Amino acid sequence: MTMRKNWAWQFLMKKDLSRSLENDTGAEYNSYMSKGTLSKEIIEHIAKLAKLNLSATQIEKFQPQLASVFGYISKIQTLKTNGVMETSQVTGLENVMRDDMVDEKRMLSQDEALRNAKRTHNGFFVVDAVLKEF
């Protein structure tokens, strides 16, 4: 890994991290990635950003998992994408639209629609309240 850190690492190293990492040259990042784990402080910081309360057991569980995710991100960042056109979809298909037409043969009249209702009032269904007032 070069001195250039990936975006995820840069995001994590914002000012509010409990210890100062402003002078980090990438050695710490490389150290974490080579071990396949992240420090407890980094996991806690990510949890704080996500507004998650993690137990010590969960932190231990997520350390290697998150390091693995960062590893995949690092691999993706090494791909040469110069000359690759951006795409919004890859199939080449276009949306197939139809006219929005009313099929009156399949419609019910208001009387037919209300015929089996338990309660009606002025041509509308009457149902019990489902929302409570605050």
Protein backbone atom coordinates (compact mmCIF):
# COMPACT_ATOMS: atom_id res chain seq x y z
CA MET A 1 0.00 0.00 0.00
CA THR A 2 1.36 3.39 -0.88
CA MET A 3 1.19 6.48 1.29
CA ARG A 4 -2.20 7.16 -0.27
CA LYS A 5 -4.86 5.79 2.07
CA ASN A 6 -8.23 4.61 0.88
CA TRP A 7 -11.36 6.71 1.35
CA ALA A 8 -12.70 4.55 4.18
CA TRP A 9 -9.53 5.02 6.19
CA GLN A 10 -9.54 8.76 5.51
CA PHE A 11 -13.15 8.94 6.67
CA LEU A 12 -12.28 7.20 9.92
CA MET A 13 -9.37 9.46 10.66
CA LYS A 14 -11.48 12.61 11.03
CA LYS A 15 -10.77 15.14 13.82
CA ASP A 16 -13.09 13.58 16.40
CA LEU A 17 -11.03 10.40 16.80
CA SER A 18 -10.01 10.11 20.45
CA ARG A 19 -6.30 10.06 19.68
CA SER A 20 -4.52 12.27 17.19
CA LEU A 21 -3.69 10.52 13.96
CA GLU A 22 -3.04 13.64 11.91
CA ASN A 23 0.63 12.75 11.47
CA ASP A 24 -0.13 9.17 10.45
CA THR A 25 1.95 8.31 7.40
CA GLY A 26 0.09 5.18 6.48
CA ALA A 27 2.19 2.83 8.60
CA GLU A 28 -0.61 2.39 11.10
CA TYR A 29 -3.09 1.64 8.33
CA ASN A 30 -0.72 -0.83 6.69
CA SER A 31 -0.09 -2.46 10.06
CA TYR A 32 -3.80 -2.97 10.64
CA MET A 33 -4.42 -4.31 7.18
CA SER A 34 -1.48 -6.73 7.26
CA LYS A 35 -2.70 -8.18 10.56
CA GLY A 36 -6.24 -8.41 9.22
CA THR A 37 -7.62 -6.49 12.17
CA LEU A 38 -8.33 -2.97 13.33
CA SER A 39 -7.80 -1.52 16.78
CA LYS A 40 -10.56 -1.53 19.35
CA GLU A 41 -10.53 2.29 19.25
CA ILE A 42 -11.19 2.34 15.50
CA ILE A 43 -14.12 -0.08 15.84
CA GLU A 44 -15.53 2.00 18.71
CA HIS A 45 -15.15 5.14 16.59
CA ILE A 46 -17.00 3.56 13.68
CA ALA A 47 -19.74 2.41 16.07
CA LYS A 48 -19.98 5.94 17.46
CA LEU A 49 -20.35 7.37 13.95
CA ALA A 50 -23.09 4.82 13.24
CA LYS A 51 -24.69 5.52 16.63
CA LEU A 52 -24.31 1.88 17.67
CA ASN A 53 -23.69 0.61 21.18
CA LEU A 54 -21.43 -2.40 20.78
CA SER A 55 -20.44 -4.82 23.51
CA ALA A 56 -16.83 -5.93 23.92
CA THR A 57 -17.76 -9.27 22.35
CA GLN A 58 -19.27 -7.55 19.33
CA ILE A 59 -16.21 -5.32 18.94
CA GLU A 60 -13.94 -8.39 18.92
CA LYS A 61 -16.24 -10.06 16.40
CA PHE A 62 -16.33 -7.05 14.06
CA GLN A 63 -12.60 -6.24 14.11
CA PRO A 64 -11.53 -8.91 11.58
CA GLN A 65 -14.74 -8.54 9.58
CA LEU A 66 -14.29 -4.81 9.09
CA ALA A 67 -10.60 -5.24 8.32
CA SER A 68 -11.62 -7.69 5.61
CA VAL A 69 -14.05 -5.14 4.16
CA PHE A 70 -11.31 -2.50 4.14
CA GLY A 71 -9.04 -5.02 2.42
CA TYR A 72 -11.60 -5.48 -0.35
CA ILE A 73 -11.94 -1.70 -0.67
CA SER A 74 -8.16 -1.43 -1.03
CA LYS A 75 -8.16 -4.09 -3.76
CA ILE A 76 -10.94 -2.31 -5.64
CA GLN A 77 -9.04 0.97 -5.43
CA THR A 78 -6.05 -0.59 -7.19
CA LEU A 79 -8.09 -1.32 -10.32
CA LYS A 80 -7.20 0.75 -13.36
CA THR A 81 -10.43 2.37 -14.51
CA ASN A 82 -8.99 4.90 -16.95
CA GLY A 83 -10.93 4.67 -20.17
CA VAL A 84 -13.81 2.76 -18.62
CA MET A 85 -17.06 4.52 -19.36
CA GLU A 86 -19.40 5.23 -16.49
CA THR A 87 -22.66 3.34 -16.65
CA SER A 88 -25.97 3.66 -14.93
CA GLN A 89 -27.07 0.22 -16.11
CA VAL A 90 -25.41 -2.58 -18.00
CA THR A 91 -28.10 -4.51 -19.85
CA GLY A 92 -28.81 -2.00 -22.61
CA LEU A 93 -32.51 -2.47 -22.07
CA GLU A 94 -34.86 0.48 -21.89
CA ASN A 95 -37.96 0.91 -19.80
CA VAL A 96 -40.98 -0.56 -21.50
CA MET A 97 -43.97 1.64 -20.86
CA ARG A 98 -47.61 1.19 -21.66
CA ASP A 99 -50.36 3.73 -21.85
CA ASP A 100 -52.22 4.16 -18.58
CA MET A 101 -55.71 3.30 -19.75
CA VAL A 102 -58.74 2.46 -17.64
CA ASP A 103 -60.32 -0.89 -18.48
CA GLU A 104 -63.93 -0.14 -17.69
CA LYS A 105 -64.94 -3.77 -18.25
CA ARG A 106 -62.96 -4.75 -15.15
CA MET A 107 -64.14 -1.86 -12.97
CA LEU A 108 -66.71 -2.16 -10.21
CA SER A 109 -69.33 0.49 -9.73
CA GLN A 110 -69.39 2.19 -6.35
CA ASP A 111 -72.45 0.17 -5.34
CA GLU A 112 -70.78 -3.10 -6.37
CA ALA A 113 -67.61 -2.22 -4.46
CA LEU A 114 -69.54 -1.39 -1.28
CA ARG A 115 -71.99 -4.29 -1.56
CA ASN A 116 -70.21 -6.62 0.92
CA ALA A 117 -68.87 -3.94 3.28
CA LYS A 118 -69.87 -4.24 6.93
CA ARG A 119 -70.37 -0.50 7.29
CA THR A 120 -70.73 2.33 4.79
CA HIS A 121 -71.62 6.01 4.99
CA ASN A 122 -72.43 8.32 2.07
CA GLY A 123 -70.84 5.94 -0.45
CA PHE A 124 -67.62 5.28 1.51
CA PHE A 125 -66.27 2.39 3.57
CA VAL A 126 -66.40 2.97 7.34
CA VAL A 127 -63.56 1.39 9.31
CA ASP A 128 -62.36 1.58 12.89
CA ALA A 129 -59.73 4.22 13.60
CA VAL A 130 -56.19 2.95 13.09
CA LEU A 131 -54.27 6.02 14.26
CA LYS A 132 -54.32 7.47 17.74
CA GLU A 133 -54.20 11.19 18.28
CA PHE A 134 -51.06 12.50 19.95
